[in-house]
Amino acid sequence: MTQAPATIFLVDDDESVLRGLGRLLRAAGHATRPFASPSEFLAQLSGDTPGCAVLDLRMPGLNGLELQQAMESKDCHLPVIFISGHGDVPASVRAMKAGAVDFLLKPFDEQQLLGAISQALLKDAAARAGRAETAALHARHAVLTPREREVCALVAQGLTNKEVAQRLGTTEKTIKVHRARLIQKLDVDSVAELVRFVDRLGQG
């Protein structure tokens, strides 16, 4: 399935800022969606859309940091860039610790914003690719029988067929059959690749 094009979500209670950002980003070839309030943005939020979010730090209702937390609670992991008209060092530190890509003070250099957005889009694409790979790994692992999963885990620990058989109270011949099925079902070419598969599965 073809992935939707990236969208830059703009959230700022100052509509003149929204218009200016929209013009700049569209001129640079980006699709944008402006929102004048955090609540409006959250109501339309979908984690399925690739892109990033540019959030004003100080807004009525939810501030930018609270909005970032609300996004996370809705399982939306869009990279965030904060913009602010105030040189709030503690807020910028909290923003960066929370995973923000950048924290820009108004008025900021246009190229600085475009650079931050490029970085955010690369981060989003990498994260989505990682999640897709993890989902594919879990889907392949899900086709294994409970016994095959046991064998898979023990083989990945470096146990020989004989040791796996002893651990599971069965014969070495049976373990060889299970290993052959594992190799086929998981679409791996060797035990070394099986070990890498299990390692990546655990990291996901």
N, C-alpha and C. Protein backbone atom coordinates (compact mmCIF):
# COMPACT_ATOMS: atom_id res chain seq x y z
N MET A 1 0.85 -1.19 0.00
CA MET A 1 0.00 0.00 0.00
C MET A 1 0.89 1.24 0.00
N THR A 2 0.57 2.20 -0.85
CA THR A 2 1.35 3.43 -0.95
C THR A 2 1.10 4.31 0.26
N GLN A 3 2.17 4.82 0.85
CA GLN A 3 2.04 5.68 2.02
C GLN A 3 1.60 7.06 1.61
N ALA A 4 0.73 7.68 2.43
CA ALA A 4 0.25 9.03 2.16
C ALA A 4 1.43 10.00 2.21
N PRO A 5 1.35 11.11 1.46
CA PRO A 5 2.43 12.10 1.51
C PRO A 5 2.50 12.74 2.89
N ALA A 6 3.68 13.21 3.25
CA ALA A 6 3.88 13.83 4.56
C ALA A 6 3.13 15.15 4.66
N THR A 7 2.60 15.42 5.84
CA THR A 7 1.88 16.66 6.11
C THR A 7 2.51 17.37 7.30
N ILE A 8 2.67 18.69 7.19
CA ILE A 8 3.18 19.49 8.29
C ILE A 8 1.97 20.08 9.02
N PHE A 9 1.75 19.66 10.26
CA PHE A 9 0.63 20.16 11.06
C PHE A 9 1.11 21.41 11.82
N LEU A 10 0.40 22.50 11.63
CA LEU A 10 0.77 23.78 12.24
C LEU A 10 -0.26 24.13 13.30
N VAL A 11 0.18 24.35 14.54
CA VAL A 11 -0.74 24.69 15.62
C VAL A 11 -0.26 25.96 16.31
N ASP A 12 -1.02 27.05 16.12
CA ASP A 12 -0.66 28.35 16.71
C ASP A 12 -1.94 29.17 16.83
N ASP A 13 -2.14 29.81 17.97
CA ASP A 13 -3.36 30.60 18.15
C ASP A 13 -3.30 31.94 17.42
N ASP A 14 -2.15 32.29 16.87
CA ASP A 14 -2.00 33.53 16.09
C ASP A 14 -2.18 33.18 14.61
N GLU A 15 -3.32 33.59 14.06
CA GLU A 15 -3.64 33.18 12.69
C GLU A 15 -2.70 33.81 11.67
N SER A 16 -2.14 34.97 11.98
CA SER A 16 -1.18 35.56 11.04
C SER A 16 0.09 34.71 10.97
N VAL A 17 0.48 34.12 12.09
CA VAL A 17 1.62 33.21 12.09
C VAL A 17 1.29 31.96 11.27
N LEU A 18 0.08 31.44 11.46
CA LEU A 18 -0.33 30.26 10.69
C LEU A 18 -0.27 30.54 9.19
N ARG A 19 -0.78 31.71 8.79
CA ARG A 19 -0.77 32.03 7.35
C ARG A 19 0.66 32.15 6.84
N GLY A 20 1.52 32.82 7.61
CA GLY A 20 2.91 32.99 7.18
C GLY A 20 3.65 31.66 7.08
N LEU A 21 3.46 30.80 8.08
CA LEU A 21 4.10 29.49 8.04
C LEU A 21 3.58 28.66 6.86
N GLY A 22 2.27 28.75 6.65
CA GLY A 22 1.68 27.99 5.55
C GLY A 22 2.25 28.40 4.21
N ARG A 23 2.37 29.71 3.98
CA ARG A 23 2.92 30.19 2.71
C ARG A 23 4.37 29.71 2.54
N LEU A 24 5.16 29.84 3.60
CA LEU A 24 6.56 29.44 3.53
C LEU A 24 6.71 27.95 3.20
N LEU A 25 5.95 27.13 3.90
CA LEU A 25 6.10 25.68 3.74
C LEU A 25 5.54 25.19 2.41
N ARG A 26 4.43 25.78 1.98
CA ARG A 26 3.88 25.39 0.68
C ARG A 26 4.83 25.79 -0.44
N ALA A 27 5.48 26.95 -0.30
CA ALA A 27 6.45 27.39 -1.31
C ALA A 27 7.64 26.43 -1.37
N ALA A 28 7.91 25.77 -0.24
CA ALA A 28 9.02 24.80 -0.20
C ALA A 28 8.57 23.41 -0.61
N GLY A 29 7.29 23.29 -1.01
CA GLY A 29 6.80 22.01 -1.51
C GLY A 29 6.15 21.11 -0.49
N HIS A 30 5.85 21.64 0.71
CA HIS A 30 5.25 20.82 1.76
C HIS A 30 3.73 20.99 1.79
N ALA A 31 3.03 19.91 2.11
CA ALA A 31 1.60 19.99 2.38
C ALA A 31 1.42 20.38 3.84
N THR A 32 0.47 21.28 4.11
CA THR A 32 0.27 21.75 5.48
C THR A 32 -1.19 21.64 5.89
N ARG A 33 -1.40 21.55 7.23
CA ARG A 33 -2.75 21.63 7.80
C ARG A 33 -2.67 22.55 9.01
N PRO A 34 -3.29 23.73 8.94
CA PRO A 34 -3.21 24.68 10.05
C PRO A 34 -4.34 24.49 11.07
N PHE A 35 -4.02 24.72 12.33
CA PHE A 35 -5.01 24.66 13.41
C PHE A 35 -4.77 25.83 14.35
N ALA A 36 -5.85 26.55 14.68
CA ALA A 36 -5.73 27.73 15.53
C ALA A 36 -5.85 27.40 17.01
N SER A 37 -6.15 26.13 17.33
CA SER A 37 -6.25 25.75 18.75
C SER A 37 -5.79 24.31 18.93
N PRO A 38 -5.22 24.00 20.09
CA PRO A 38 -4.80 22.62 20.37
C PRO A 38 -5.96 21.64 20.34
N SER A 39 -7.12 22.06 20.86
CA SER A 39 -8.27 21.14 20.91
C SER A 39 -8.73 20.77 19.50
N GLU A 40 -8.71 21.74 18.60
CA GLU A 40 -9.09 21.47 17.20
C GLU A 40 -8.11 20.48 16.57
N PHE A 41 -6.83 20.67 16.85
CA PHE A 41 -5.81 19.76 16.32
C PHE A 41 -6.01 18.35 16.87
N LEU A 42 -6.22 18.22 18.19
CA LEU A 42 -6.38 16.90 18.79
C LEU A 42 -7.61 16.18 18.27
N ALA A 43 -8.67 16.95 17.99
CA ALA A 43 -9.90 16.34 17.48
C ALA A 43 -9.70 15.73 16.10
N GLN A 44 -8.77 16.29 15.32
CA GLN A 44 -8.52 15.80 13.96
C GLN A 44 -7.31 14.88 13.88
N LEU A 45 -6.68 14.65 15.01
CA LEU A 45 -5.39 13.95 15.02
C LEU A 45 -5.51 12.49 14.60
N SER A 46 -4.60 12.08 13.74
CA SER A 46 -4.51 10.68 13.33
C SER A 46 -3.04 10.30 13.25
N GLY A 47 -2.67 9.26 13.98
CA GLY A 47 -1.29 8.81 13.95
C GLY A 47 -0.90 8.15 12.64
N ASP A 48 -1.90 7.92 11.78
CA ASP A 48 -1.62 7.25 10.51
C ASP A 48 -0.97 8.17 9.49
N THR A 49 -1.13 9.48 9.67
CA THR A 49 -0.61 10.43 8.68
C THR A 49 0.85 10.73 8.94
N PRO A 50 1.72 10.47 7.96
CA PRO A 50 3.13 10.80 8.14
C PRO A 50 3.35 12.30 8.11
N GLY A 51 4.39 12.75 8.78
CA GLY A 51 4.70 14.17 8.78
C GLY A 51 5.34 14.60 10.08
N CYS A 52 5.04 15.83 10.50
CA CYS A 52 5.54 16.35 11.78
C CYS A 52 4.60 17.46 12.22
N ALA A 53 4.79 17.93 13.45
CA ALA A 53 3.94 18.99 13.99
C ALA A 53 4.80 20.17 14.43
N VAL A 54 4.37 21.36 14.05
CA VAL A 54 5.02 22.60 14.49
C VAL A 54 4.06 23.25 15.49
N LEU A 55 4.46 23.30 16.76
CA LEU A 55 3.57 23.74 17.83
C LEU A 55 4.08 25.03 18.47
N ASP A 56 3.16 25.97 18.65
CA ASP A 56 3.50 27.16 19.44
C ASP A 56 3.59 26.74 20.91
N LEU A 57 4.53 27.31 21.63
CA LEU A 57 4.72 26.90 23.02
C LEU A 57 3.60 27.41 23.92
N ARG A 58 3.21 28.68 23.73
CA ARG A 58 2.21 29.28 24.62
C ARG A 58 0.91 29.53 23.87
N MET A 59 -0.13 28.77 24.27
CA MET A 59 -1.45 28.92 23.66
C MET A 59 -2.49 28.80 24.75
N PRO A 60 -3.68 29.39 24.54
CA PRO A 60 -4.76 29.23 25.51
C PRO A 60 -5.16 27.76 25.61
N GLY A 61 -5.60 27.37 26.79
CA GLY A 61 -5.96 25.96 26.96
C GLY A 61 -4.70 25.14 27.21
N LEU A 62 -4.39 24.27 26.30
CA LEU A 62 -3.16 23.48 26.40
C LEU A 62 -1.98 24.27 25.87
N ASN A 63 -0.87 24.26 26.60
CA ASN A 63 0.34 24.84 26.00
C ASN A 63 1.01 23.79 25.13
N GLY A 64 2.08 24.18 24.46
CA GLY A 64 2.71 23.26 23.51
C GLY A 64 3.21 21.98 24.14
N LEU A 65 3.81 22.09 25.33
CA LEU A 65 4.32 20.89 26.01
C LEU A 65 3.19 19.95 26.41
N GLU A 66 2.08 20.53 26.89
CA GLU A 66 0.92 19.70 27.25
C GLU A 66 0.31 19.06 26.01
N LEU A 67 0.32 19.79 24.91
CA LEU A 67 -0.19 19.24 23.66
C LEU A 67 0.67 18.06 23.19
N GLN A 68 1.98 18.19 23.33
CA GLN A 68 2.88 17.10 22.97
C GLN A 68 2.56 15.85 23.80
N GLN A 69 2.30 16.03 25.10
CA GLN A 69 1.95 14.91 25.96
C GLN A 69 0.61 14.29 25.55
N ALA A 70 -0.34 15.16 25.18
CA ALA A 70 -1.65 14.67 24.74
C ALA A 70 -1.52 13.85 23.46
N MET A 71 -0.63 14.28 22.57
CA MET A 71 -0.39 13.52 21.34
C MET A 71 0.13 12.12 21.67
N GLU A 72 1.09 12.05 22.59
CA GLU A 72 1.65 10.76 22.99
C GLU A 72 0.58 9.86 23.59
N SER A 73 -0.31 10.45 24.40
CA SER A 73 -1.36 9.66 25.05
C SER A 73 -2.35 9.10 24.03
N LYS A 74 -2.43 9.74 22.85
CA LYS A 74 -3.29 9.24 21.78
C LYS A 74 -2.52 8.36 20.80
N ASP A 75 -1.34 7.94 21.23
CA ASP A 75 -0.48 7.06 20.43
C ASP A 75 -0.10 7.69 19.10
N CYS A 76 0.08 9.00 19.13
CA CYS A 76 0.56 9.72 17.95
C CYS A 76 2.00 10.13 18.21
N HIS A 77 2.90 9.65 17.37
CA HIS A 77 4.33 9.86 17.60
C HIS A 77 4.95 10.79 16.56
N LEU A 78 4.16 11.74 16.05
CA LEU A 78 4.71 12.70 15.10
C LEU A 78 5.85 13.49 15.75
N PRO A 79 6.97 13.64 15.07
CA PRO A 79 8.03 14.50 15.61
C PRO A 79 7.52 15.93 15.77
N VAL A 80 7.99 16.59 16.81
CA VAL A 80 7.50 17.93 17.16
C VAL A 80 8.61 18.97 17.07
N ILE A 81 8.27 20.12 16.50
CA ILE A 81 9.13 21.30 16.52
C ILE A 81 8.37 22.39 17.27
N PHE A 82 8.98 22.96 18.29
CA PHE A 82 8.33 24.03 19.04
C PHE A 82 8.79 25.39 18.53
N ILE A 83 7.84 26.33 18.50
CA ILE A 83 8.18 27.72 18.20
C ILE A 83 7.66 28.57 19.35
N SER A 84 8.38 29.63 19.68
CA SER A 84 7.97 30.46 20.81
C SER A 84 8.46 31.88 20.63
N GLY A 85 7.65 32.82 21.11
CA GLY A 85 8.06 34.21 21.09
C GLY A 85 8.78 34.61 22.36
N HIS A 86 9.00 33.64 23.24
CA HIS A 86 9.61 33.93 24.54
C HIS A 86 10.86 33.07 24.73
N GLY A 87 11.91 33.68 25.21
CA GLY A 87 13.16 32.94 25.45
C GLY A 87 13.09 32.16 26.74
N ASP A 88 12.25 31.14 26.75
CA ASP A 88 12.00 30.34 27.95
C ASP A 88 12.96 29.14 27.97
N VAL A 89 14.10 29.31 28.66
CA VAL A 89 15.11 28.25 28.67
C VAL A 89 14.61 26.98 29.33
N PRO A 90 13.97 27.04 30.53
CA PRO A 90 13.47 25.80 31.14
C PRO A 90 12.49 25.05 30.23
N ALA A 91 11.62 25.81 29.54
CA ALA A 91 10.66 25.16 28.65
C ALA A 91 11.36 24.51 27.48
N SER A 92 12.38 25.17 26.95
CA SER A 92 13.11 24.58 25.82
C SER A 92 13.84 23.31 26.24
N VAL A 93 14.37 23.31 27.47
CA VAL A 93 15.04 22.10 27.98
C VAL A 93 14.04 20.97 28.13
N ARG A 94 12.86 21.27 28.70
CA ARG A 94 11.83 20.24 28.85
C ARG A 94 11.38 19.71 27.50
N ALA A 95 11.25 20.61 26.53
CA ALA A 95 10.82 20.20 25.19
C ALA A 95 11.82 19.24 24.56
N MET A 96 13.09 19.56 24.66
CA MET A 96 14.11 18.71 24.04
C MET A 96 14.20 17.37 24.76
N LYS A 97 14.05 17.39 26.09
CA LYS A 97 14.07 16.13 26.84
C LYS A 97 12.87 15.26 26.48
N ALA A 98 11.76 15.90 26.11
CA ALA A 98 10.56 15.15 25.73
C ALA A 98 10.62 14.65 24.30
N GLY A 99 11.73 14.94 23.61
CA GLY A 99 11.92 14.38 22.28
C GLY A 99 11.68 15.34 21.13
N ALA A 100 11.54 16.63 21.43
CA ALA A 100 11.33 17.60 20.35
C ALA A 100 12.54 17.63 19.41
N VAL A 101 12.27 17.84 18.14
CA VAL A 101 13.35 17.92 17.15
C VAL A 101 14.11 19.23 17.28
N ASP A 102 13.36 20.32 17.56
CA ASP A 102 14.01 21.62 17.69
C ASP A 102 13.10 22.57 18.47
N PHE A 103 13.68 23.66 18.94
CA PHE A 103 12.95 24.69 19.68
C PHE A 103 13.41 26.03 19.10
N LEU A 104 12.52 26.68 18.36
CA LEU A 104 12.88 27.90 17.63
C LEU A 104 12.21 29.12 18.23
N LEU A 105 12.99 30.18 18.39
CA LEU A 105 12.45 31.43 18.92
C LEU A 105 12.02 32.34 17.77
N LYS A 106 10.81 32.92 17.89
CA LYS A 106 10.34 33.89 16.91
C LYS A 106 11.06 35.22 17.14
N PRO A 107 11.40 35.96 16.08
CA PRO A 107 11.32 35.53 14.68
C PRO A 107 12.52 34.64 14.36
N PHE A 108 12.26 33.53 13.71
CA PHE A 108 13.34 32.60 13.39
C PHE A 108 13.68 32.67 11.91
N ASP A 109 14.86 32.21 11.59
CA ASP A 109 15.31 32.17 10.21
C ASP A 109 14.52 31.10 9.45
N GLU A 110 14.04 31.44 8.26
CA GLU A 110 13.24 30.49 7.49
C GLU A 110 14.00 29.20 7.22
N GLN A 111 15.27 29.32 6.88
CA GLN A 111 16.06 28.13 6.58
C GLN A 111 16.24 27.24 7.81
N GLN A 112 16.26 27.88 8.96
CA GLN A 112 16.37 27.11 10.21
C GLN A 112 15.12 26.25 10.40
N LEU A 113 13.96 26.83 10.13
CA LEU A 113 12.71 26.07 10.24
C LEU A 113 12.65 24.97 9.20
N LEU A 114 13.00 25.30 7.96
CA LEU A 114 12.95 24.28 6.90
C LEU A 114 13.92 23.14 7.20
N GLY A 115 15.08 23.48 7.76
CA GLY A 115 16.04 22.44 8.12
C GLY A 115 15.50 21.54 9.23
N ALA A 116 14.85 22.15 10.22
CA ALA A 116 14.26 21.38 11.31
C ALA A 116 13.16 20.46 10.80
N ILE A 117 12.37 20.97 9.85
CA ILE A 117 11.29 20.16 9.29
C ILE A 117 11.86 18.99 8.48
N SER A 118 12.89 19.23 7.71
CA SER A 118 13.53 18.13 6.98
C SER A 118 14.02 17.05 7.94
N GLN A 119 14.62 17.49 9.03
CA GLN A 119 15.12 16.55 10.04
C GLN A 119 13.95 15.78 10.67
N ALA A 120 12.85 16.49 10.96
CA ALA A 120 11.69 15.85 11.56
C ALA A 120 11.06 14.82 10.63
N LEU A 121 10.99 15.15 9.34
CA LEU A 121 10.40 14.22 8.37
C LEU A 121 11.26 12.97 8.21
N LEU A 122 12.57 13.14 8.24
CA LEU A 122 13.46 11.97 8.19
C LEU A 122 13.27 11.11 9.43
N LYS A 123 13.14 11.75 10.58
CA LYS A 123 12.92 11.02 11.83
C LYS A 123 11.61 10.24 11.78
N ASP A 124 10.56 10.88 11.27
CA ASP A 124 9.25 10.22 11.18
C ASP A 124 9.30 9.04 10.22
N ALA A 125 9.95 9.22 9.07
CA ALA A 125 10.04 8.13 8.09
C ALA A 125 10.80 6.94 8.66
N ALA A 126 11.88 7.22 9.38
CA ALA A 126 12.67 6.14 9.98
C ALA A 126 11.87 5.41 11.05
N ALA A 127 11.14 6.16 11.86
CA ALA A 127 10.33 5.54 12.92
C ALA A 127 9.22 4.68 12.33
N ARG A 128 8.58 5.18 11.26
CA ARG A 128 7.51 4.40 10.63
C ARG A 128 8.06 3.14 9.98
N ALA A 129 9.24 3.24 9.37
CA ALA A 129 9.85 2.05 8.77
C ALA A 129 10.18 1.03 9.85
N GLY A 130 10.67 1.52 10.99
CA GLY A 130 10.99 0.62 12.10
C GLY A 130 9.76 -0.07 12.64
N ARG A 131 8.65 0.68 12.78
CA ARG A 131 7.41 0.08 13.28
C ARG A 131 6.85 -0.93 12.29
N ALA A 132 6.97 -0.63 11.00
CA ALA A 132 6.49 -1.57 9.98
C ALA A 132 7.31 -2.85 10.00
N GLU A 133 8.63 -2.72 10.17
CA GLU A 133 9.49 -3.90 10.23
C GLU A 133 9.15 -4.75 11.45
N THR A 134 8.94 -4.09 12.59
CA THR A 134 8.59 -4.81 13.81
C THR A 134 7.27 -5.55 13.65
N ALA A 135 6.29 -4.90 13.03
CA ALA A 135 4.99 -5.54 12.80
C ALA A 135 5.15 -6.76 11.90
N ALA A 136 6.01 -6.65 10.88
CA ALA A 136 6.23 -7.77 9.98
C ALA A 136 6.91 -8.93 10.70
N LEU A 137 7.86 -8.62 11.58
CA LEU A 137 8.54 -9.66 12.36
C LEU A 137 7.54 -10.40 13.25
N HIS A 138 6.68 -9.64 13.93
CA HIS A 138 5.69 -10.26 14.81
C HIS A 138 4.70 -11.11 14.01
N ALA A 139 4.35 -10.65 12.82
CA ALA A 139 3.43 -11.42 11.98
C ALA A 139 4.05 -12.76 11.58
N ARG A 140 5.33 -12.76 11.25
CA ARG A 140 6.02 -14.01 10.89
C ARG A 140 6.12 -14.93 12.10
N HIS A 141 6.42 -14.35 13.26
CA HIS A 141 6.55 -15.15 14.48
C HIS A 141 5.22 -15.75 14.90
N ALA A 142 4.13 -15.05 14.61
CA ALA A 142 2.79 -15.48 15.04
C ALA A 142 2.35 -16.78 14.38
N VAL A 143 2.94 -17.14 13.23
CA VAL A 143 2.51 -18.36 12.55
C VAL A 143 3.13 -19.61 13.18
N LEU A 144 4.08 -19.44 14.09
CA LEU A 144 4.70 -20.59 14.73
C LEU A 144 3.76 -21.23 15.76
N THR A 145 3.88 -22.54 15.91
CA THR A 145 3.14 -23.23 16.97
C THR A 145 3.83 -22.93 18.31
N PRO A 146 3.13 -23.14 19.43
CA PRO A 146 3.77 -22.93 20.73
C PRO A 146 5.08 -23.70 20.89
N ARG A 147 5.12 -24.95 20.42
CA ARG A 147 6.35 -25.75 20.52
C ARG A 147 7.46 -25.16 19.65
N GLU A 148 7.08 -24.71 18.45
CA GLU A 148 8.08 -24.11 17.57
C GLU A 148 8.66 -22.83 18.18
N ARG A 149 7.83 -22.09 18.90
CA ARG A 149 8.33 -20.88 19.55
C ARG A 149 9.33 -21.23 20.65
N GLU A 150 9.05 -22.31 21.37
CA GLU A 150 9.99 -22.76 22.40
C GLU A 150 11.33 -23.15 21.78
N VAL A 151 11.25 -23.93 20.70
CA VAL A 151 12.46 -24.36 20.01
C VAL A 151 13.21 -23.14 19.46
N CYS A 152 12.47 -22.22 18.89
CA CYS A 152 13.07 -21.01 18.32
C CYS A 152 13.87 -20.25 19.38
N ALA A 153 13.27 -20.06 20.55
CA ALA A 153 13.94 -19.32 21.62
C ALA A 153 15.20 -20.02 22.09
N LEU A 154 15.15 -21.35 22.20
CA LEU A 154 16.31 -22.10 22.69
C LEU A 154 17.42 -22.16 21.66
N VAL A 155 17.05 -22.34 20.39
CA VAL A 155 18.06 -22.35 19.33
C VAL A 155 18.75 -20.99 19.26
N ALA A 156 17.96 -19.92 19.43
CA ALA A 156 18.52 -18.57 19.38
C ALA A 156 19.48 -18.30 20.54
N GLN A 157 19.34 -19.07 21.62
CA GLN A 157 20.25 -18.95 22.76
C GLN A 157 21.57 -19.69 22.52
N GLY A 158 21.64 -20.42 21.40
CA GLY A 158 22.87 -21.11 21.06
C GLY A 158 22.90 -22.58 21.44
N LEU A 159 21.76 -23.12 21.89
CA LEU A 159 21.73 -24.53 22.26
C LEU A 159 21.77 -25.42 21.03
N THR A 160 22.41 -26.57 21.15
CA THR A 160 22.44 -27.54 20.06
C THR A 160 21.12 -28.29 20.01
N ASN A 161 20.92 -29.04 18.93
CA ASN A 161 19.70 -29.85 18.82
C ASN A 161 19.56 -30.80 20.01
N LYS A 162 20.68 -31.41 20.39
CA LYS A 162 20.66 -32.36 21.50
C LYS A 162 20.28 -31.67 22.80
N GLU A 163 20.84 -30.48 23.03
CA GLU A 163 20.54 -29.73 24.26
C GLU A 163 19.08 -29.27 24.29
N VAL A 164 18.57 -28.83 23.13
CA VAL A 164 17.16 -28.42 23.05
C VAL A 164 16.26 -29.61 23.33
N ALA A 165 16.60 -30.76 22.76
CA ALA A 165 15.81 -31.98 22.97
C ALA A 165 15.77 -32.35 24.45
N GLN A 166 16.91 -32.27 25.11
CA GLN A 166 16.97 -32.59 26.54
C GLN A 166 16.14 -31.60 27.35
N ARG A 167 16.23 -30.33 26.98
CA ARG A 167 15.49 -29.29 27.71
C ARG A 167 13.97 -29.49 27.57
N LEU A 168 13.54 -29.92 26.38
CA LEU A 168 12.10 -30.04 26.12
C LEU A 168 11.58 -31.46 26.30
N GLY A 169 12.48 -32.38 26.65
CA GLY A 169 12.05 -33.76 26.89
C GLY A 169 11.58 -34.48 25.65
N THR A 170 12.29 -34.27 24.55
CA THR A 170 11.92 -34.93 23.30
C THR A 170 13.18 -35.44 22.61
N THR A 171 13.06 -35.89 21.38
CA THR A 171 14.21 -36.47 20.69
C THR A 171 14.92 -35.43 19.82
N GLU A 172 16.18 -35.70 19.55
CA GLU A 172 16.96 -34.82 18.70
C GLU A 172 16.38 -34.78 17.29
N LYS A 173 15.87 -35.91 16.84
CA LYS A 173 15.26 -35.97 15.50
C LYS A 173 14.06 -35.03 15.41
N THR A 174 13.25 -35.01 16.46
CA THR A 174 12.08 -34.12 16.48
C THR A 174 12.50 -32.66 16.42
N ILE A 175 13.56 -32.32 17.16
CA ILE A 175 14.05 -30.94 17.16
C ILE A 175 14.55 -30.55 15.77
N LYS A 176 15.20 -31.48 15.08
CA LYS A 176 15.66 -31.20 13.72
C LYS A 176 14.48 -30.86 12.81
N VAL A 177 13.38 -31.58 12.99
CA VAL A 177 12.18 -31.31 12.19
C VAL A 177 11.64 -29.91 12.52
N HIS A 178 11.59 -29.59 13.82
CA HIS A 178 11.11 -28.26 14.23
C HIS A 178 12.00 -27.16 13.67
N ARG A 179 13.31 -27.37 13.71
CA ARG A 179 14.24 -26.36 13.19
C ARG A 179 14.03 -26.13 11.70
N ALA A 180 13.82 -27.21 10.97
CA ALA A 180 13.59 -27.08 9.53
C ALA A 180 12.32 -26.27 9.26
N ARG A 181 11.29 -26.52 10.07
CA ARG A 181 10.04 -25.78 9.90
C ARG A 181 10.23 -24.31 10.28
N LEU A 182 11.02 -24.07 11.31
CA LEU A 182 11.30 -22.69 11.71
C LEU A 182 11.96 -21.92 10.59
N ILE A 183 12.98 -22.53 10.01
CA ILE A 183 13.72 -21.89 8.92
C ILE A 183 12.77 -21.53 7.78
N GLN A 184 11.85 -22.45 7.49
CA GLN A 184 10.91 -22.24 6.38
C GLN A 184 9.87 -21.17 6.74
N LYS A 185 9.25 -21.30 7.91
CA LYS A 185 8.17 -20.38 8.28
C LYS A 185 8.66 -18.94 8.49
N LEU A 186 9.84 -18.81 9.06
CA LEU A 186 10.36 -17.48 9.35
C LEU A 186 11.11 -16.88 8.17
N ASP A 187 11.28 -17.69 7.12
CA ASP A 187 11.95 -17.23 5.90
C ASP A 187 13.36 -16.73 6.20
N VAL A 188 14.10 -17.56 6.96
CA VAL A 188 15.50 -17.27 7.24
C VAL A 188 16.34 -18.37 6.60
N ASP A 189 17.61 -18.07 6.36
CA ASP A 189 18.46 -19.00 5.62
C ASP A 189 19.42 -19.80 6.49
N SER A 190 19.53 -19.43 7.76
CA SER A 190 20.50 -20.10 8.61
C SER A 190 20.15 -19.86 10.07
N VAL A 191 20.83 -20.59 10.95
CA VAL A 191 20.62 -20.39 12.39
C VAL A 191 21.09 -18.99 12.79
N ALA A 192 22.18 -18.52 12.18
CA ALA A 192 22.67 -17.17 12.48
C ALA A 192 21.60 -16.12 12.16
N GLU A 193 20.92 -16.30 11.04
CA GLU A 193 19.86 -15.36 10.67
C GLU A 193 18.67 -15.51 11.61
N LEU A 194 18.43 -16.75 12.07
CA LEU A 194 17.36 -16.98 13.05
C LEU A 194 17.66 -16.23 14.35
N VAL A 195 18.91 -16.27 14.78
CA VAL A 195 19.32 -15.55 15.99
C VAL A 195 19.09 -14.05 15.82
N ARG A 196 19.44 -13.51 14.66
CA ARG A 196 19.22 -12.08 14.39
C ARG A 196 17.73 -11.75 14.40
N PHE A 197 16.93 -12.66 13.84
CA PHE A 197 15.48 -12.47 13.82
C PHE A 197 14.94 -12.34 15.24
N VAL A 198 15.33 -13.27 16.11
CA VAL A 198 14.84 -13.27 17.50
C VAL A 198 15.33 -12.02 18.23
N ASP A 199 16.55 -11.61 17.95
CA ASP A 199 17.10 -10.41 18.59
C ASP A 199 16.30 -9.17 18.18
N ARG A 200 16.00 -9.03 16.89
CA ARG A 200 15.22 -7.89 16.41
C ARG A 200 13.80 -7.94 16.96
N LEU A 201 13.26 -9.16 17.09
CA LEU A 201 11.91 -9.33 17.63
C LEU A 201 11.86 -8.84 19.07
N GLY A 202 12.90 -9.16 19.83
CA GLY A 202 12.96 -8.73 21.23
C GLY A 202 13.11 -7.24 21.37
N GLN A 203 13.85 -6.62 20.44
CA GLN A 203 14.04 -5.18 20.48
C GLN A 203 12.76 -4.45 20.13
N GLY A 204 11.88 -5.11 19.31
CA GLY A 204 10.62 -4.47 18.93
C GLY A 204 9.61 -4.50 20.04
